[in-house]
Amino acid sequence: MPSKELCLSVPSTPSAVVDARRRLSAQLRVWQLSLPAEALHDIELVAGELLANAVDHASQGGASVVVRLDGAVLRIEVCDSSDALPRRRSPGLDEESGRGLCIVAALADRWGAEHVPPGKRCWAEFGVVDGLGCSTSPVGGSGFTARSVREESR
């Protein structure tokens, strides 16, 4: 199966994150992935979390997102201009933020972050099936992988 790709520029506004997530969802339907509704929701949620983190933590300039379907692997990459790599936290029950990467780690098959000029790239991967029912074994992995940061297992 040839690879498919969606590229978006996302301004640094919460409404732009919502719009980008909707566009991603629409594109996944166009690609006719044989996914249960729950799996599609998980992918949308992870994309939204990665985008929200980029918009919240990056300096001016917004973010870019690339969604690539290559064989049975769907990869979401979000780049922004901040060089600070994210770290997973354990927020208290009364904290309003800090759960995004925990959600990403729980739902993605693999995820990570790495430095790229001029900032960083955060990514997540999912094993998927195309509209023809073609698949390989799901993406396996140890959860978080990052350059210049420690490795963790999910």
Protein backbone atom coordinates (compact mmCIF):
# COMPACT_ATOMS: atom_id res chain seq x y z
CA MET A 1 0.00 0.00 0.00
CA PRO A 2 1.48 3.40 -0.91
CA SER A 3 1.99 5.80 1.95
CA LYS A 4 -0.46 8.64 2.51
CA GLU A 5 0.24 11.91 4.24
CA LEU A 6 -1.56 14.95 5.66
CA CYS A 7 0.43 18.09 6.59
CA LEU A 8 -1.05 21.03 8.49
CA SER A 9 0.22 24.28 9.98
CA VAL A 10 -1.47 25.05 13.29
CA PRO A 11 -1.50 28.59 14.70
CA SER A 12 -1.01 29.04 18.45
CA THR A 13 -4.68 29.20 19.37
CA PRO A 14 -6.94 26.67 21.09
CA SER A 15 -9.49 26.91 18.26
CA ALA A 16 -6.78 25.99 15.74
CA VAL A 17 -6.06 22.81 17.71
CA VAL A 18 -9.74 21.87 17.54
CA ASP A 19 -9.83 22.59 13.80
CA ALA A 20 -6.66 20.56 13.15
CA ARG A 21 -8.05 17.61 15.11
CA ARG A 22 -11.27 17.73 13.04
CA ARG A 23 -9.31 17.86 9.77
CA LEU A 24 -7.19 14.90 10.89
CA SER A 25 -10.34 12.92 11.74
CA ALA A 26 -11.87 13.69 8.35
CA GLN A 27 -8.69 12.58 6.57
CA LEU A 28 -8.60 9.29 8.47
CA ARG A 29 -12.13 8.59 7.22
CA VAL A 30 -11.04 9.39 3.64
CA TRP A 31 -8.21 6.86 4.01
CA GLN A 32 -10.82 4.21 4.92
CA LEU A 33 -9.01 2.68 7.84
CA SER A 34 -10.77 -0.38 9.21
CA LEU A 35 -10.80 0.84 12.78
CA PRO A 36 -13.41 0.52 15.46
CA ALA A 37 -14.84 3.87 16.60
CA GLU A 38 -12.94 3.59 19.89
CA ALA A 39 -9.56 3.24 18.12
CA LEU A 40 -10.33 6.23 15.89
CA HIS A 41 -11.25 8.23 18.98
CA ASP A 42 -7.95 7.22 20.64
CA ILE A 43 -5.97 8.44 17.62
CA GLU A 44 -7.89 11.72 17.58
CA LEU A 45 -7.35 12.18 21.31
CA VAL A 46 -3.59 11.57 21.05
CA ALA A 47 -3.32 14.01 18.14
CA GLY A 48 -5.23 16.59 20.14
CA GLU A 49 -2.99 16.14 23.18
CA LEU A 50 0.21 16.46 21.14
CA LEU A 51 -1.13 19.56 19.40
CA ALA A 52 -2.38 21.16 22.62
CA ASN A 53 1.02 20.60 24.25
CA ALA A 54 2.78 22.22 21.30
CA VAL A 55 0.49 25.24 21.33
CA ASP A 56 0.67 25.59 25.14
CA HIS A 57 4.42 25.17 25.56
CA ALA A 58 6.01 26.45 22.36
CA SER A 59 7.00 30.01 21.77
CA GLN A 60 5.58 32.04 18.88
CA GLY A 61 4.95 30.38 15.56
CA GLY A 62 2.44 27.66 16.32
CA ALA A 63 3.08 24.09 15.31
CA SER A 64 3.03 21.78 12.33
CA VAL A 65 1.49 18.34 12.22
CA VAL A 66 2.18 15.50 9.81
CA VAL A 67 -0.02 12.42 9.80
CA ARG A 68 1.47 9.61 7.76
CA LEU A 69 -0.03 6.23 6.93
CA ASP A 70 2.73 3.89 5.80
CA GLY A 71 1.64 0.30 5.48
CA ALA A 72 0.00 -0.70 8.74
CA VAL A 73 1.56 2.14 10.76
CA LEU A 74 -0.11 5.48 11.34
CA ARG A 75 2.34 8.08 12.66
CA ILE A 76 1.42 11.51 14.01
CA GLU A 77 4.27 14.05 14.28
CA VAL A 78 3.87 17.47 15.86
CA CYS A 79 6.75 19.95 15.57
CA ASP A 80 7.12 23.26 17.38
CA SER A 81 9.84 25.82 18.03
CA SER A 82 10.49 24.97 21.70
CA ASP A 83 13.58 22.86 22.32
CA ALA A 84 12.30 21.66 25.72
CA LEU A 85 11.44 17.98 25.43
CA PRO A 86 8.26 16.96 27.23
CA ARG A 87 8.30 14.78 30.28
CA ARG A 88 5.55 12.65 31.70
CA ARG A 89 4.25 13.87 35.05
CA SER A 90 2.14 12.43 37.83
CA PRO A 91 -0.23 15.32 38.58
CA GLY A 92 -2.20 15.49 41.78
CA LEU A 93 -5.95 14.92 41.77
CA ASP A 94 -6.66 18.64 42.09
CA GLU A 95 -4.28 19.75 39.31
CA GLU A 96 -5.94 20.89 36.09
CA SER A 97 -3.10 19.93 33.72
CA GLY A 98 -0.25 17.48 33.37
CA ARG A 99 -2.09 14.40 32.11
CA GLY A 100 -1.55 14.77 28.35
CA LEU A 101 1.53 12.58 27.99
CA CYS A 102 0.03 9.97 30.32
CA ILE A 103 -2.91 9.78 27.90
CA VAL A 104 -0.54 9.55 24.91
CA ALA A 105 1.47 6.79 26.60
CA ALA A 106 -1.67 4.82 27.46
CA LEU A 107 -3.22 4.98 23.98
CA ALA A 108 -0.36 4.96 21.44
CA ASP A 109 1.58 1.83 20.53
CA ARG A 110 4.81 3.88 20.56
CA TRP A 111 5.55 7.52 21.23
CA GLY A 112 8.48 9.81 21.78
CA ALA A 113 10.10 13.19 21.31
CA GLU A 114 13.35 14.38 19.79
CA HIS A 115 15.19 17.58 19.07
CA VAL A 116 14.91 18.82 15.49
CA PRO A 117 15.82 22.26 14.19
CA PRO A 118 14.46 24.72 15.24
CA GLY A 119 12.80 22.95 18.20
CA LYS A 120 11.37 19.50 18.78
CA ARG A 121 9.18 16.79 17.27
CA CYS A 122 6.74 14.77 19.39
CA TRP A 123 5.27 11.71 17.76
CA ALA A 124 2.95 8.76 18.32
CA GLU A 125 2.42 5.59 16.30
CA PHE A 126 -0.52 3.22 15.97
CA GLY A 127 -0.87 -0.13 14.26
CA VAL A 128 -3.80 0.13 11.81
CA VAL A 129 -5.57 -1.74 9.02
CA ASP A 130 -6.44 -0.15 5.68
CA GLY A 131 -9.86 -0.23 4.00
CA LEU A 132 -8.92 -3.44 2.18
CA GLY A 133 -8.29 -5.28 5.45
CA CYS A 134 -4.53 -5.45 4.90
CA SER A 135 -2.38 -5.40 7.99
CA THR A 136 0.85 -6.52 9.47
CA SER A 137 1.40 -7.20 13.13
CA PRO A 138 0.73 -4.13 15.27
CA VAL A 139 3.48 -1.71 16.08
CA GLY A 140 5.32 -2.93 19.12
CA GLY A 141 7.52 -0.93 21.33
CA SER A 142 8.64 0.04 24.74
CA GLY A 143 6.44 3.12 24.92
CA PHE A 144 8.43 6.31 25.20
CA THR A 145 11.59 6.79 23.18
CA ALA A 146 13.36 10.11 23.08
CA ARG A 147 16.74 11.43 22.16
CA SER A 148 18.41 13.50 24.88
CA VAL A 149 15.98 12.13 27.47
CA ARG A 150 15.67 8.86 29.36
CA GLU A 151 13.73 5.89 28.05
CA GLU A 152 10.65 4.65 29.84
CA SER A 153 8.43 1.66 29.36
CA ARG A 154 4.68 2.05 29.14
